[in-house]
Amino acid sequence: MKFKFSKYHGAGNDFILSDDLILLGQDEDKRVKIITALCDRRLGIGADGLMLVEKNKAQKLKIFFFNSDGKAGSLCGNGSRCALSFAIYLGFINSGSVDFFFWDNMYQAKIGDDGVKIKMKDINIRENTEFGFFTDTGSPHLIKELDHSSLNKDILLKEALYLRHHPFFQKRGGTNINFIKLQPTNKYQCQVLTFERGVEDFTFACGTGAVAIAGYLAWKSQSGGVYEIISEGGTLEVEIGGYLENLLADVWLSGPVKFVFEGQLDLFSFLGR
């Protein structure tokens, strides 16, 4: 069973991309086994997740997303931007304004010489919990503002795992954790380290996390604006056009997207490695 793929990353948040939909036809247990093997960083291709791209009968682009644990994932901002770049390479879409489906939800994108930016749904600011600021940008995110601690993975891993699986968030299917350090001289900029559910580790960047952090900064200042979210893999930009009574409107996510390599493998031989 041949499987053709490409690998892309958005600010270091990396994904396996394919228009081969054969994995959708597998039963869940087999699909999970295949995807976790493909995403394995030592024995597979290595990635934070896998995106399947389809141009359906209505000539609309549809994206299917699976985390590196093999399970279907909620909205992935960086993955969507990578998938849109891949779709241009395939000839499925052209530059300009594009509508696309992420699973069954429609989103809008703008694709030009300056990169790929996607429009997020309007976001209701959720709650400032005892654990930190919590919101949902298509995926659930907890924001933990650090005062003096460094963004050190070894130091923060224990707390990230505790919060990721805390009963308070389990009713929401768990949450992603974003540790942030504000820039004292620039309220529109901050550094972040994100622990992602489904990957179950820190990633180099997270698109929906960047949007959540920008929402937190907008909530603090009670205003919109253009926010720079600096992660280990690069900088993501979030533009918030409107802020009214804890509602974020006209929200756009942009940042770098890079093609890494492409290849083909036989899944049966690969799984029998």
Protein backbone atom coordinates (compact mmCIF):
# COMPACT_ATOMS: atom_id res chain seq x y z
CA MET A 1 0.00 0.00 0.00
CA LYS A 2 1.96 3.01 -1.31
CA PHE A 3 1.61 6.30 0.56
CA LYS A 4 2.91 9.54 -0.96
CA PHE A 5 3.49 12.45 1.39
CA SER A 6 5.12 15.82 1.88
CA LYS A 7 6.39 17.36 5.06
CA TYR A 8 5.84 21.03 5.96
CA HIS A 9 6.26 23.11 9.07
CA GLY A 10 4.83 26.37 10.35
CA ALA A 11 7.33 27.98 12.73
CA GLY A 12 8.64 24.53 13.62
CA ASN A 13 5.19 23.01 14.17
CA ASP A 14 5.62 20.16 11.67
CA PHE A 15 3.14 18.01 9.76
CA ILE A 16 2.94 15.13 7.32
CA LEU A 17 0.69 16.16 4.38
CA SER A 18 -0.96 13.89 1.82
CA ASP A 19 -3.87 13.86 -0.62
CA ASP A 20 -3.98 10.07 -0.34
CA LEU A 21 -7.17 9.43 1.65
CA ILE A 22 -6.58 5.70 2.12
CA LEU A 23 -6.10 6.23 5.87
CA LEU A 24 -9.68 7.49 6.19
CA GLY A 25 -10.90 4.08 5.08
CA GLN A 26 -9.02 2.19 7.79
CA ASP A 27 -10.69 1.16 11.03
CA GLU A 28 -9.74 3.42 13.94
CA ASP A 29 -7.31 1.06 15.66
CA LYS A 30 -5.36 0.46 12.45
CA ARG A 31 -5.40 4.16 11.54
CA VAL A 32 -4.06 5.11 14.98
CA LYS A 33 -1.29 2.54 14.65
CA ILE A 34 -0.28 3.82 11.20
CA ILE A 35 -0.34 7.52 12.11
CA THR A 36 1.57 7.12 15.38
CA ALA A 37 4.21 5.13 13.48
CA LEU A 38 4.49 7.76 10.74
CA CYS A 39 4.78 10.60 13.28
CA ASP A 40 7.40 8.79 15.38
CA ARG A 41 10.52 10.99 15.41
CA ARG A 42 12.98 8.11 15.72
CA LEU A 43 11.43 5.31 13.69
CA GLY A 44 9.11 7.19 11.33
CA ILE A 45 8.93 10.42 9.33
CA GLY A 46 8.49 12.48 12.49
CA ALA A 47 5.79 15.12 12.97
CA ASP A 48 3.41 16.79 15.42
CA GLY A 49 0.51 15.52 13.33
CA LEU A 50 -0.81 14.36 9.98
CA MET A 51 -3.05 16.30 7.57
CA LEU A 52 -5.05 14.78 4.73
CA VAL A 53 -6.20 17.16 2.01
CA GLU A 54 -9.13 16.59 -0.33
CA LYS A 55 -10.77 18.60 -3.09
CA ASN A 56 -14.33 17.33 -2.79
CA LYS A 57 -17.07 16.99 -5.40
CA ALA A 58 -18.22 20.55 -4.71
CA GLN A 59 -14.67 21.70 -5.57
CA LYS A 60 -14.12 22.76 -1.98
CA LEU A 61 -10.91 22.05 -0.10
CA LYS A 62 -11.32 19.85 2.97
CA ILE A 63 -8.68 19.15 5.61
CA PHE A 64 -8.66 16.13 7.94
CA PHE A 65 -6.32 16.36 10.93
CA PHE A 66 -4.85 13.73 13.24
CA ASN A 67 -2.52 14.40 16.16
CA SER A 68 0.68 12.40 16.50
CA ASP A 69 -1.15 10.05 18.89
CA GLY A 70 -3.23 9.00 15.86
CA LYS A 71 -6.49 10.49 17.10
CA ALA A 72 -8.60 13.04 15.26
CA GLY A 73 -7.69 16.54 16.38
CA SER A 74 -9.55 19.80 16.84
CA LEU A 75 -8.68 22.94 14.87
CA CYS A 76 -4.97 23.31 14.13
CA GLY A 77 -3.98 26.78 12.94
CA ASN A 78 -0.42 26.08 11.82
CA GLY A 79 -1.45 22.77 10.29
CA SER A 80 -4.18 24.51 8.28
CA ARG A 81 -1.68 27.01 6.93
CA CYS A 82 0.68 24.17 5.96
CA ALA A 83 -2.19 22.24 4.34
CA LEU A 84 -3.20 25.27 2.30
CA SER A 85 0.36 25.68 1.02
CA PHE A 86 0.37 21.99 0.13
CA ALA A 87 -2.98 22.40 -1.67
CA ILE A 88 -1.46 25.17 -3.83
CA TYR A 89 1.43 22.85 -4.69
CA LEU A 90 -1.10 20.19 -5.74
CA GLY A 91 -3.03 22.69 -7.86
CA PHE A 92 -6.17 22.26 -5.74
CA ILE A 93 -6.42 26.01 -5.06
CA ASN A 94 -4.89 29.28 -6.22
CA SER A 95 -3.55 32.28 -4.36
CA GLY A 96 -6.03 34.86 -3.15
CA SER A 97 -9.05 34.46 -0.91
CA VAL A 98 -9.98 30.81 -0.28
CA ASP A 99 -12.73 29.07 1.67
CA PHE A 100 -11.85 25.67 3.12
CA PHE A 101 -13.29 23.07 5.44
CA PHE A 102 -11.44 21.84 8.50
CA TRP A 103 -13.36 18.65 9.12
CA ASP A 104 -16.91 20.00 8.70
CA ASN A 105 -16.33 23.63 9.74
CA MET A 106 -15.69 26.27 7.10
CA TYR A 107 -12.90 28.84 7.41
CA GLN A 108 -11.45 31.56 5.22
CA ALA A 109 -7.84 32.09 4.20
CA LYS A 110 -5.80 34.65 2.30
CA ILE A 111 -2.81 33.38 0.37
CA GLY A 112 -0.27 35.72 -1.17
CA ASP A 113 3.41 36.47 -1.55
CA ASP A 114 3.55 37.31 2.15
CA GLY A 115 2.36 33.83 3.15
CA VAL A 116 -0.80 32.12 4.33
CA LYS A 117 -3.15 33.67 6.87
CA ILE A 118 -6.38 32.15 8.13
CA LYS A 119 -9.41 33.81 9.68
CA MET A 120 -10.47 32.31 12.98
CA LYS A 121 -14.01 32.12 14.26
CA ASP A 122 -15.10 34.93 16.58
CA ILE A 123 -13.87 33.99 20.03
CA ASN A 124 -15.70 34.37 23.32
CA ILE A 125 -13.26 34.99 26.14
CA ARG A 126 -14.08 32.19 28.56
CA GLU A 127 -12.85 32.50 32.12
CA ASN A 128 -9.97 33.40 34.37
CA THR A 129 -9.70 30.16 36.38
CA GLU A 130 -7.67 29.35 39.50
CA PHE A 131 -5.15 27.72 37.16
CA GLY A 132 -4.87 30.61 34.72
CA PHE A 133 -6.75 32.16 31.83
CA PHE A 134 -8.78 29.63 29.83
CA THR A 135 -10.36 30.04 26.40
CA ASP A 136 -11.25 28.07 23.27
CA THR A 137 -9.97 29.16 19.86
CA GLY A 138 -11.17 26.04 18.08
CA SER A 139 -9.00 24.09 20.52
CA PRO A 140 -8.96 24.60 24.32
CA HIS A 141 -6.05 26.57 25.78
CA LEU A 142 -4.89 27.49 29.26
CA ILE A 143 -2.61 30.53 29.59
CA LYS A 144 -0.14 30.60 32.48
CA GLU A 145 1.69 33.91 32.85
CA LEU A 146 5.14 33.52 34.40
CA ASP A 147 6.69 36.31 36.44
CA HIS A 148 10.24 35.19 37.06
CA SER A 149 10.55 31.61 35.85
CA SER A 150 12.30 30.89 32.58
CA LEU A 151 10.55 29.08 29.72
CA ASN A 152 12.49 25.93 30.51
CA LYS A 153 10.91 22.69 29.29
CA ASP A 154 12.54 20.54 31.97
CA ILE A 155 11.29 22.80 34.73
CA LEU A 156 7.76 23.24 33.35
CA LEU A 157 7.06 19.68 32.16
CA LYS A 158 5.73 18.41 35.49
CA GLU A 159 3.28 21.32 35.80
CA ALA A 160 2.23 20.95 32.16
CA LEU A 161 1.40 17.26 32.65
CA TYR A 162 -0.50 18.03 35.87
CA LEU A 163 -2.64 20.68 34.20
CA ARG A 164 -3.09 18.75 30.94
CA HIS A 165 -4.81 15.91 32.82
CA HIS A 166 -6.39 17.88 35.67
CA PRO A 167 -10.04 16.87 36.35
CA PHE A 168 -11.13 20.50 35.88
CA PHE A 169 -10.22 20.24 32.19
CA GLN A 170 -11.09 16.60 31.54
CA LYS A 171 -14.75 17.45 30.99
CA ARG A 172 -13.43 19.49 28.06
CA GLY A 173 -11.30 16.61 26.81
CA GLY A 174 -8.21 18.05 28.46
CA THR A 175 -6.44 21.24 27.46
CA ASN A 176 -3.33 22.64 25.85
CA ILE A 177 -1.02 24.57 28.19
CA ASN A 178 0.70 27.83 27.22
CA PHE A 179 3.38 29.26 29.51
CA ILE A 180 4.04 32.89 28.60
CA LYS A 181 6.42 35.69 29.50
CA LEU A 182 5.27 39.21 28.71
CA GLN A 183 7.55 41.84 27.24
CA PRO A 184 7.57 44.75 29.71
CA THR A 185 8.23 47.31 26.98
CA ASN A 186 5.72 45.97 24.44
CA LYS A 187 2.18 44.92 25.38
CA TYR A 188 1.69 43.47 21.87
CA GLN A 189 4.46 40.90 22.16
CA CYS A 190 5.25 37.89 24.35
CA GLN A 191 7.23 34.66 24.46
CA VAL A 192 5.50 31.29 24.76
CA LEU A 193 6.16 27.63 25.40
CA THR A 194 3.19 25.39 24.50
CA PHE A 195 2.44 21.85 25.67
CA GLU A 196 -0.03 20.30 23.20
CA ARG A 197 -2.56 17.60 23.93
CA GLY A 198 -2.48 14.84 21.33
CA VAL A 199 1.24 15.43 20.88
CA GLU A 200 1.67 15.11 24.66
CA ASP A 201 4.81 17.20 24.59
CA PHE A 202 6.04 20.73 24.04
CA THR A 203 5.94 21.86 20.41
CA PHE A 204 7.96 24.52 18.63
CA ALA A 205 4.82 26.59 17.97
CA CYS A 206 1.03 26.38 18.13
CA GLY A 207 -1.32 28.45 15.97
CA THR A 208 -4.51 28.20 18.03
CA GLY A 209 -2.35 28.74 21.12
CA ALA A 210 -0.96 31.95 19.63
CA VAL A 211 -4.52 33.13 19.01
CA ALA A 212 -5.48 32.28 22.60
CA ILE A 213 -2.48 34.23 23.92
CA ALA A 214 -3.33 37.22 21.74
CA GLY A 215 -6.87 37.00 23.14
CA TYR A 216 -5.43 37.06 26.66
CA LEU A 217 -3.34 40.13 25.85
CA ALA A 218 -6.38 41.81 24.27
CA TRP A 219 -8.42 40.96 27.38
CA LYS A 220 -5.76 42.56 29.59
CA SER A 221 -5.65 45.75 27.52
CA GLN A 222 -9.35 45.68 26.55
CA SER A 223 -8.42 46.39 22.94
CA GLY A 224 -7.58 44.71 19.66
CA GLY A 225 -4.39 45.06 17.68
CA VAL A 226 -1.60 43.06 16.05
CA TYR A 227 0.20 40.71 18.42
CA GLU A 228 3.53 38.94 17.94
CA ILE A 229 3.73 35.58 19.68
CA ILE A 230 7.33 34.37 19.85
CA SER A 231 7.86 30.62 20.16
CA GLU A 232 10.89 28.35 19.89
CA GLY A 233 10.29 27.76 16.17
CA GLY A 234 9.55 31.34 15.13
CA THR A 235 7.07 34.19 15.43
CA LEU A 236 3.35 33.98 14.70
CA GLU A 237 1.28 37.09 14.17
CA VAL A 238 -2.32 37.45 15.34
CA GLU A 239 -4.43 40.37 14.21
CA ILE A 240 -7.53 41.14 16.28
CA GLY A 241 -9.73 43.61 14.43
CA GLY A 242 -12.33 44.07 17.13
CA TYR A 243 -12.78 43.58 20.88
CA LEU A 244 -16.19 44.13 22.46
CA GLU A 245 -17.49 42.78 25.75
CA ASN A 246 -15.04 39.86 25.81
CA LEU A 247 -15.73 38.96 22.17
CA LEU A 248 -12.80 38.85 19.76
CA ALA A 249 -13.82 39.50 16.16
CA ASP A 250 -12.04 39.63 12.80
CA VAL A 251 -9.16 37.46 14.06
CA TRP A 252 -6.40 36.44 11.62
CA LEU A 253 -3.44 34.11 12.18
CA SER A 254 -0.32 34.34 10.01
CA GLY A 255 3.29 33.22 10.09
CA PRO A 256 5.97 31.28 8.21
CA VAL A 257 5.28 28.05 6.29
CA LYS A 258 8.08 25.96 4.81
CA PHE A 259 8.20 22.84 2.64
CA VAL A 260 10.73 20.35 4.05
CA PHE A 261 10.73 17.26 1.80
CA GLU A 262 8.49 14.76 0.03
CA GLY A 263 8.61 11.00 -0.29
CA GLN A 264 6.79 7.71 -0.70
CA LEU A 265 6.72 4.57 1.39
CA ASP A 266 4.96 1.23 1.46
CA LEU A 267 2.78 1.19 4.58
CA PHE A 268 2.74 -2.60 4.90
CA SER A 269 6.53 -2.83 4.75
CA PHE A 270 6.86 0.21 7.01
CA LEU A 271 4.60 -1.23 9.72
CA GLY A 272 6.50 -4.52 9.57
CA ARG A 273 9.78 -2.71 10.21
